[in-house]
Protein backbone atom coordinates (compact mmCIF):
# COMPACT_ATOMS: atom_id res chain seq x y z
CA MET A 1 -11.85 -12.05 -18.79
CA LYS A 2 -9.61 -13.78 -16.23
CA ILE A 3 -6.74 -11.77 -14.79
CA LEU A 4 -3.90 -12.96 -12.59
CA VAL A 5 -2.58 -10.32 -10.18
CA LEU A 6 0.99 -10.77 -8.91
CA ASN A 7 2.78 -8.98 -6.09
CA CYS A 8 6.39 -10.11 -6.09
CA GLY A 9 8.50 -9.26 -3.06
CA SER A 10 12.09 -10.16 -2.28
CA SER A 11 11.13 -13.43 -0.57
CA SER A 12 7.44 -13.79 -1.36
CA ILE A 13 4.92 -13.87 -4.21
CA LYS A 14 1.28 -13.04 -3.52
CA TYR A 15 -1.36 -13.77 -6.14
CA GLN A 16 -5.07 -13.49 -6.86
CA LEU A 17 -6.95 -14.78 -9.89
CA PHE A 18 -9.98 -12.64 -10.81
CA ASN A 19 -13.01 -13.31 -12.96
CA MET A 20 -13.62 -9.80 -14.26
CA ASP A 21 -17.17 -10.61 -15.38
CA ASP A 22 -18.28 -10.18 -11.76
CA GLN A 23 -14.95 -9.07 -10.20
CA SER A 24 -14.87 -12.22 -8.07
CA VAL A 25 -11.72 -13.89 -6.75
CA ILE A 26 -11.43 -17.40 -8.17
CA ALA A 27 -8.35 -18.31 -6.17
CA LYS A 28 -5.61 -16.64 -4.17
CA GLY A 29 -2.53 -17.43 -2.17
CA GLY A 30 1.17 -16.89 -1.95
CA VAL A 31 4.66 -18.29 -1.89
CA GLU A 32 6.62 -17.55 1.30
CA LYS A 33 10.30 -17.91 2.23
CA LEU A 34 11.30 -17.84 -1.42
CA GLY A 35 14.87 -19.08 -1.87
CA MET A 36 15.10 -20.08 1.79
CA LYS A 37 14.77 -23.25 3.79
CA GLY A 38 11.16 -24.11 4.57
CA SER A 39 9.60 -22.37 1.56
CA PHE A 40 5.95 -23.15 0.86
CA LEU A 41 2.93 -22.20 -1.24
CA LYS A 42 -0.43 -21.54 0.39
CA HIS A 43 -3.40 -21.75 -1.99
CA LYS A 44 -7.06 -20.97 -1.30
CA HIS A 45 -9.89 -21.75 -3.70
CA ALA A 46 -13.07 -19.67 -3.93
CA ASP A 47 -15.10 -22.52 -2.42
CA GLY A 48 -13.01 -22.35 0.75
CA ARG A 49 -10.66 -25.25 0.05
CA GLN A 50 -7.18 -24.48 1.29
CA ILE A 51 -3.94 -26.36 0.82
CA VAL A 52 -0.29 -25.80 1.73
CA PHE A 53 2.46 -27.19 -0.48
CA GLU A 54 5.91 -27.42 1.05
CA GLY A 55 9.06 -27.77 -0.99
CA GLU A 56 12.16 -26.09 -2.28
CA ILE A 57 11.23 -22.95 -4.25
CA LEU A 58 14.48 -21.32 -5.31
CA ASP A 59 13.51 -18.20 -7.25
CA HIS A 60 10.65 -16.12 -8.62
CA LYS A 61 10.37 -18.04 -11.87
CA SER A 62 10.05 -21.39 -10.11
CA GLY A 63 7.62 -19.83 -7.61
CA ILE A 64 5.36 -18.50 -10.36
CA GLU A 65 5.68 -21.79 -12.23
CA TYR A 66 4.50 -23.52 -9.06
CA ILE A 67 1.54 -21.12 -8.77
CA LEU A 68 0.50 -21.72 -12.39
CA GLY A 69 0.79 -25.46 -11.82
CA VAL A 70 -1.55 -25.31 -8.83
CA LEU A 71 -4.06 -23.12 -10.71
CA THR A 72 -4.27 -25.72 -13.51
CA SER A 73 -4.06 -28.77 -11.23
CA SER A 74 -6.85 -31.30 -11.77
CA LYS A 75 -7.17 -31.79 -8.01
CA TYR A 76 -6.69 -28.29 -6.57
CA GLY A 77 -6.93 -25.97 -9.54
CA CYS A 78 -9.63 -23.80 -11.10
CA LEU A 79 -8.42 -23.57 -14.71
CA GLU A 80 -8.44 -26.11 -17.51
CA SER A 81 -5.31 -24.57 -19.00
CA LEU A 82 -3.11 -21.47 -18.83
CA GLU A 83 -4.84 -20.20 -21.98
CA GLU A 84 -7.75 -19.17 -19.75
CA ILE A 85 -5.58 -16.44 -18.21
CA ASP A 86 -6.13 -13.39 -20.39
CA ALA A 87 -3.67 -10.99 -18.76
CA VAL A 88 -1.38 -10.45 -15.78
CA GLY A 89 -1.34 -7.36 -13.57
CA HIS A 90 1.78 -6.61 -11.54
CA ARG A 91 2.09 -4.48 -8.45
CA VAL A 92 5.19 -2.39 -9.10
CA VAL A 93 6.45 -0.26 -6.22
CA HIS A 94 8.33 2.53 -7.99
CA GLY A 95 7.64 4.14 -11.33
CA GLY A 96 9.61 7.31 -10.60
CA GLU A 97 8.52 10.24 -12.74
CA TYR A 98 8.09 7.98 -15.74
CA PHE A 99 4.58 6.79 -14.98
CA ALA A 100 1.50 8.74 -13.89
CA SER A 101 -0.83 5.83 -14.64
CA SER A 102 -0.76 2.07 -15.10
CA GLU A 103 0.89 0.91 -18.31
CA LEU A 104 0.89 -2.08 -20.64
CA ILE A 105 4.34 -3.59 -20.23
CA ASN A 106 6.71 -3.45 -23.20
CA ASP A 107 10.45 -3.03 -23.67
CA GLU A 108 10.24 0.73 -23.11
CA VAL A 109 8.39 0.28 -19.81
CA ILE A 110 10.87 -2.36 -18.65
CA ASP A 111 13.79 -0.04 -19.48
CA ALA A 112 12.19 2.71 -17.35
CA LEU A 113 11.67 0.29 -14.45
CA VAL A 114 15.31 -0.74 -14.59
CA LYS A 115 16.25 2.95 -14.38
CA CYS A 116 14.06 3.24 -11.25
CA THR A 117 15.92 0.42 -9.50
CA ASP A 118 18.15 2.86 -7.60
CA LEU A 119 15.00 4.47 -6.18
CA ALA A 120 13.61 1.15 -4.91
CA PRO A 121 16.51 -1.35 -4.75
CA LEU A 122 14.60 -3.78 -2.52
CA HIS A 123 11.33 -3.72 -4.43
CA ASN A 124 11.71 -3.08 -8.16
CA PRO A 125 14.13 -5.99 -8.85
CA PRO A 126 11.67 -8.66 -7.62
CA ASN A 127 8.84 -6.85 -9.42
CA LEU A 128 10.88 -7.14 -12.63
CA LYS A 129 11.64 -10.80 -11.94
CA GLY A 130 7.91 -11.46 -11.90
CA ILE A 131 7.49 -9.75 -15.26
CA TYR A 132 10.40 -11.67 -16.80
CA ALA A 133 9.07 -14.98 -15.42
CA MET A 134 5.63 -14.47 -16.95
CA GLU A 135 7.22 -13.62 -20.31
CA GLU A 136 8.95 -16.99 -20.25
CA LEU A 137 6.17 -19.10 -18.79
CA ILE A 138 3.27 -17.72 -20.90
CA PRO A 139 4.93 -16.06 -23.92
CA GLY A 140 2.97 -13.20 -25.42
CA ILE A 141 0.49 -12.78 -22.56
CA PRO A 142 -0.45 -9.11 -21.98
CA GLN A 143 1.10 -7.72 -18.79
CA VAL A 144 0.30 -4.45 -17.04
CA GLY A 145 2.35 -2.61 -14.44
CA VAL A 146 0.40 -0.80 -11.71
CA PHE A 147 2.70 1.55 -9.82
CA ASP A 148 2.42 2.53 -6.14
CA THR A 149 3.86 5.94 -6.99
CA ALA A 150 1.76 6.75 -10.08
CA PHE A 151 -1.28 8.22 -8.30
CA HIS A 152 0.88 10.82 -6.57
CA GLN A 153 2.39 12.16 -9.80
CA THR A 154 -0.33 14.82 -9.83
CA MET A 155 1.27 16.53 -6.81
CA GLU A 156 2.68 19.97 -7.51
CA ALA A 157 6.23 21.06 -6.69
CA GLN A 158 5.04 22.69 -3.44
CA SER A 159 4.19 19.20 -2.21
CA TYR A 160 6.96 17.06 -3.66
CA MET A 161 10.14 19.16 -3.60
CA TYR A 162 12.64 19.04 -0.72
CA GLY A 163 14.57 22.06 0.48
CA ILE A 164 17.85 20.87 -1.00
CA PRO A 165 19.85 22.17 -3.98
CA TYR A 166 17.70 21.84 -7.08
CA VAL A 167 20.58 20.26 -8.97
CA LEU A 168 20.23 17.14 -6.80
CA TYR A 169 16.66 16.76 -7.99
CA GLU A 170 17.81 17.17 -11.59
CA LYS A 171 20.69 14.70 -11.24
CA TYR A 172 19.15 11.99 -9.07
CA GLY A 173 15.40 12.55 -9.01
CA ILE A 174 15.42 13.25 -5.28
CA ARG A 175 11.88 14.35 -4.44
CA ARG A 176 8.84 13.08 -2.58
CA TYR A 177 7.17 10.30 -4.56
CA GLY A 178 4.68 8.87 -2.08
CA PHE A 179 3.47 5.27 -1.91
CA HIS A 180 0.28 3.28 -1.26
CA GLY A 181 -1.09 5.11 -4.31
CA THR A 182 -3.16 2.17 -5.54
CA SER A 183 -4.82 1.84 -2.13
CA HIS A 184 -5.50 5.57 -1.79
CA ARG A 185 -6.96 5.66 -5.29
CA TYR A 186 -9.25 2.69 -4.61
CA VAL A 187 -10.61 3.79 -1.23
CA THR A 188 -11.19 7.44 -2.22
CA LYS A 189 -13.20 6.40 -5.27
CA ARG A 190 -15.07 3.75 -3.29
CA ALA A 191 -15.94 6.20 -0.50
CA CYS A 192 -17.47 8.60 -3.01
CA GLU A 193 -19.52 5.73 -4.46
CA LEU A 194 -20.81 4.89 -0.97
CA LEU A 195 -21.67 8.52 -0.24
CA GLY A 196 -23.15 9.18 -3.68
CA VAL A 197 -20.94 12.21 -4.29
CA GLU A 198 -18.88 13.29 -7.28
CA TYR A 199 -15.27 12.12 -6.97
CA GLU A 200 -13.86 15.01 -8.99
CA ASN A 201 -15.49 17.57 -6.70
CA GLN A 202 -14.39 16.46 -3.23
CA LYS A 203 -11.65 17.21 -0.73
CA ILE A 204 -10.66 13.88 0.78
CA ILE A 205 -8.10 12.66 3.29
CA SER A 206 -7.29 8.95 3.14
CA CYS A 207 -5.58 7.36 6.14
CA HIS A 208 -3.97 4.05 5.15
CA LEU A 209 -2.99 2.76 8.58
CA GLY A 210 -1.18 -0.56 8.78
CA ASN A 211 2.29 -1.74 9.68
CA GLY A 212 3.30 0.66 6.93
CA ALA A 213 1.16 3.79 7.05
CA SER A 214 0.55 6.87 4.96
CA ILE A 215 -1.98 9.65 4.57
CA ALA A 216 -3.00 11.18 1.26
CA ALA A 217 -4.82 14.41 0.56
CA VAL A 218 -6.93 14.03 -2.58
CA LYS A 219 -8.45 17.15 -4.11
CA ASP A 220 -10.85 17.01 -7.05
CA GLY A 221 -9.88 13.41 -7.85
CA LYS A 222 -6.12 14.01 -7.82
CA SER A 223 -3.42 13.43 -5.23
CA PHE A 224 -2.62 16.79 -3.65
CA ASP A 225 -0.11 15.67 -1.01
CA THR A 226 0.96 12.53 0.81
CA SER A 227 2.99 11.68 3.90
CA MET A 228 5.51 9.18 2.52
CA GLY A 229 8.37 10.72 0.60
CA PHE A 230 11.46 9.68 -1.35
CA THR A 231 11.19 6.35 0.48
CA PRO A 232 8.36 4.80 2.55
CA ILE A 233 10.07 5.75 5.83
CA GLU A 234 8.93 9.40 5.81
CA GLY A 235 5.69 10.55 7.40
CA LEU A 236 3.76 8.80 10.15
CA VAL A 237 5.18 6.72 12.96
CA MET A 238 4.68 3.17 11.70
CA GLY A 239 5.04 -0.38 12.98
CA THR A 240 8.84 -0.48 12.74
CA ARG A 241 9.64 2.71 10.77
CA SER A 242 10.48 5.95 12.53
CA GLY A 243 8.48 8.27 10.30
CA ASP A 244 9.54 11.95 10.18
CA LEU A 245 12.97 12.35 11.73
CA ASP A 246 15.44 15.22 11.98
CA ILE A 247 18.41 14.32 9.76
CA GLY A 248 20.62 15.61 12.57
CA VAL A 249 19.30 12.79 14.77
CA VAL A 250 20.34 10.26 12.12
CA THR A 251 23.91 11.55 11.84
CA TYR A 252 24.21 11.97 15.63
CA ILE A 253 23.15 8.37 16.33
CA MET A 254 25.40 7.06 13.56
CA GLU A 255 28.36 8.88 15.12
CA LYS A 256 27.62 7.94 18.74
CA GLU A 257 26.74 4.30 17.99
CA GLU A 258 29.40 3.99 15.27
CA LEU A 259 26.82 2.76 12.78
CA GLY A 260 27.42 2.28 9.08
CA LEU A 261 24.80 3.10 6.45
CA LYS A 262 23.37 -0.43 6.35
CA SER A 263 23.03 -0.66 10.14
CA ALA A 264 21.46 2.80 10.35
CA ASN A 265 18.98 1.88 7.62
CA THR A 266 18.03 -1.24 9.56
CA LEU A 267 17.65 0.72 12.80
CA PHE A 268 15.26 3.32 11.39
CA ASN A 269 13.29 0.91 9.20
CA LYS A 270 13.14 -2.29 11.26
CA HIS A 271 13.63 -1.40 14.93
CA SER A 272 11.96 1.99 15.32
CA GLY A 273 8.35 3.18 15.14
CA MET A 274 5.83 1.60 17.48
CA LEU A 275 8.16 -1.30 18.21
CA GLY A 276 10.97 0.99 19.32
CA LEU A 277 8.72 3.38 21.25
CA SER A 278 6.64 0.81 23.11
CA GLY A 279 9.27 -1.86 23.60
CA VAL A 280 6.36 -4.30 23.25
CA SER A 281 5.61 -5.01 19.61
CA SER A 282 4.90 -3.52 16.21
CA ASP A 283 1.41 -5.02 16.40
CA MET A 284 -1.17 -2.46 17.55
CA ARG A 285 -3.31 -5.13 19.18
CA GLU A 286 -0.47 -6.21 21.44
CA ILE A 287 0.38 -2.59 22.27
CA GLU A 288 -3.29 -1.91 23.13
CA ASP A 289 -3.30 -4.96 25.42
CA ALA A 290 -0.12 -3.74 27.10
CA LYS A 291 -1.63 -0.28 27.63
CA ASP A 292 -4.74 -1.83 29.17
CA SER A 293 -2.44 -3.72 31.55
CA GLY A 294 -0.89 -0.46 32.73
CA ASN A 295 2.20 -0.27 30.49
CA GLU A 296 3.03 3.44 30.35
CA ARG A 297 5.35 3.17 27.36
CA ALA A 298 2.62 1.44 25.40
CA LYS A 299 0.24 4.28 26.28
CA MET A 300 2.85 6.84 25.24
CA ALA A 301 3.41 5.09 21.90
CA LEU A 302 -0.32 5.05 21.14
CA ASP A 303 -0.67 8.73 22.07
CA ILE A 304 2.22 9.57 19.74
CA TYR A 305 0.70 7.51 16.92
CA ASN A 306 -2.72 9.15 17.17
CA TYR A 307 -1.25 12.63 17.49
CA HIS A 308 0.89 12.28 14.37
CA VAL A 309 -2.13 11.12 12.35
CA ARG A 310 -4.17 14.08 13.67
CA LYS A 311 -1.31 16.47 12.87
CA TYR A 312 -1.15 15.35 9.26
CA ILE A 313 -4.93 15.52 8.89
CA GLY A 314 -4.89 19.10 10.20
CA SER A 315 -2.09 20.14 7.87
CA TYR A 316 -3.85 18.68 4.84
CA ILE A 317 -7.11 20.41 5.72
CA ALA A 318 -5.14 23.65 5.76
CA GLY A 319 -3.44 22.78 2.48
CA MET A 320 -6.69 21.97 0.67
CA ASN A 321 -8.65 24.73 2.44
CA GLY A 322 -11.28 22.34 3.71
CA LEU A 323 -12.37 18.72 3.92
CA ASP A 324 -15.42 16.76 2.80
CA VAL A 325 -14.50 13.12 3.51
CA LEU A 326 -12.12 11.43 5.96
CA ILE A 327 -11.31 7.77 5.24
CA PHE A 328 -9.78 5.07 7.42
CA THR A 329 -8.33 2.00 5.69
CA GLY A 330 -5.54 -0.56 6.08
CA GLY A 331 -5.32 -3.23 8.77
CA ILE A 332 -5.39 -0.71 11.62
CA GLY A 333 -7.72 1.81 9.99
CA GLU A 334 -10.26 -0.89 9.18
CA ASN A 335 -10.20 -2.75 12.49
CA ALA A 336 -8.90 -0.57 15.34
CA ASP A 337 -11.90 1.43 16.55
CA THR A 338 -9.82 2.79 19.43
CA THR A 339 -7.29 4.26 16.98
CA ARG A 340 -10.04 5.84 14.88
CA ALA A 341 -11.55 7.34 18.03
CA GLY A 342 -8.15 8.49 19.26
CA VAL A 343 -7.48 10.26 15.98
CA ALA A 344 -10.90 11.86 15.51
CA SER A 345 -11.65 12.74 19.12
CA GLU A 346 -10.01 16.17 19.00
CA LEU A 347 -10.95 17.16 15.46
CA ASP A 348 -14.59 18.12 16.02
CA TYR A 349 -13.75 21.82 15.65
CA LEU A 350 -12.79 21.01 12.05
CA GLY A 351 -16.19 19.48 11.36
CA ILE A 352 -15.19 15.88 12.07
CA LYS A 353 -17.79 14.34 14.40
CA LEU A 354 -17.35 10.63 15.09
CA ASP A 355 -20.40 8.64 16.19
CA GLU A 356 -19.11 6.47 19.03
CA SER A 357 -22.01 4.02 18.76
CA LYS A 358 -21.27 3.45 15.06
CA ASN A 359 -17.50 3.31 15.50
CA ASN A 360 -17.32 0.90 18.44
CA GLY A 361 -16.61 -2.57 17.13
CA PHE A 362 -17.05 -1.52 13.49
CA ARG A 363 -15.10 -3.84 11.16
CA SER A 364 -16.88 -3.35 7.86
CA GLU A 365 -17.51 -0.73 5.18
CA GLY A 366 -19.56 2.33 5.95
CA VAL A 367 -20.03 5.75 7.53
CA ILE A 368 -19.06 6.16 11.20
CA SER A 369 -19.63 9.90 11.60
CA THR A 370 -22.74 11.47 13.12
CA ASP A 371 -25.60 12.37 10.80
CA ASP A 372 -24.93 16.07 11.28
CA SER A 373 -21.14 15.86 10.82
CA PRO A 374 -20.02 18.38 8.15
CA VAL A 375 -17.20 15.95 7.27
CA LYS A 376 -18.22 12.38 6.51
CA VAL A 377 -15.98 9.80 8.20
CA VAL A 378 -15.89 6.49 6.33
CA VAL A 379 -14.24 3.11 6.83
CA VAL A 380 -13.34 1.50 3.50
CA PRO A 381 -11.47 -1.84 3.40
CA THR A 382 -8.76 -1.44 0.81
CA ASN A 383 -8.55 -3.73 -2.20
CA GLU A 384 -5.35 -3.02 -4.09
CA GLU A 385 -5.54 -6.34 -5.94
CA LEU A 386 -8.95 -5.50 -7.42
CA MET A 387 -7.66 -2.06 -8.42
CA ILE A 388 -4.72 -3.72 -10.19
CA ALA A 389 -7.08 -6.14 -11.95
CA LEU A 390 -9.37 -3.30 -13.06
CA ASP A 391 -6.44 -1.30 -14.42
CA THR A 392 -5.13 -4.37 -16.21
CA GLU A 393 -8.51 -5.05 -17.82
CA LYS A 394 -8.78 -1.43 -18.93
CA LYS A 395 -5.29 -1.27 -20.44
CA VAL A 396 -5.67 -4.58 -22.28
CA LYS A 397 -9.01 -3.55 -23.76
CA GLU A 398 -7.55 -0.19 -24.84
CA HIS A 399 -4.71 -2.03 -26.57
CA VAL A 400 -7.14 -4.34 -28.37
CA LYS A 401 -9.09 -1.31 -29.69
CA LEU A 402 -5.88 0.18 -31.07
């Protein structure tokens, strides 16, 4: 079975084509600057060939049409025809309370996604555009929606409710939804495979650390709590997002700076976090370099980042009454050994013992805790696209059996 995975953003489309017989990636790439001047498609074949196509790509349908054309191209492609694509899996950001698992897309699912648009106005509309485009370009092809929020639907009210009037939850669905669910689900299962332990009998904390960052507590195979909330801004200090913030600070700044809602949203989502704290960059590598050069604000920002991650880990250990596995993933979690050390260095009293010799320079998949550490610390590169492909394969096969 060949499955095309699509991740449609407001101005980009990322794709990977999988051969599910061996879970290999046949080709991958993406369209950038969609609907803007200088748009292009970057395509990489499994054999290493890479090509960039420049041209006017006005919308999601034309972008996906371009992708399908490259995949079936006699010169650059890897398919004889579009009939070789058996199904399409879509990354969908928000499924609200409608979806606790991935779903085969039909009219009912689409109606629910439209209803979730208010919850993710920047993300769900382009996700839907990708679904509509595939319906037109390959009529009748099975499509599956894999939702970032679905994994966290197992959280109980103690984890997802805010301390606001309950009627606002009933009227508008205001609650903590959490995100990065597909990543957290993949890495927690993969870590248990590596360790040879039973997934449904573990207390796990997964740290997805990238430009966007979240932590999930997973107990007995189910999401117990997670740091992101109603939107992805809540929780950890991130690349450009503030993370947890007193609402009084928001209203105070809006009043003093005479900011409207749109400007305030931009401030806390695009100009805060590590960028705002350090004054250097949102890129951890550049902030680390600045710290090494004696930049005190860069050092402060890194200390704040590590402390907030440690604080969430500690709170989730308390919430689950213990911990068996701690996972680092995401661009920072997978590559920044100094961040991993900074987070774990003061958690030894909780049974987390990092092996410095294993951690230093580690950029792969494996255990980086000491042999006698009660809590196993594991680095697992995330693979959301494979998780989407696996879910798509499963849902399509279930439908065929019906």
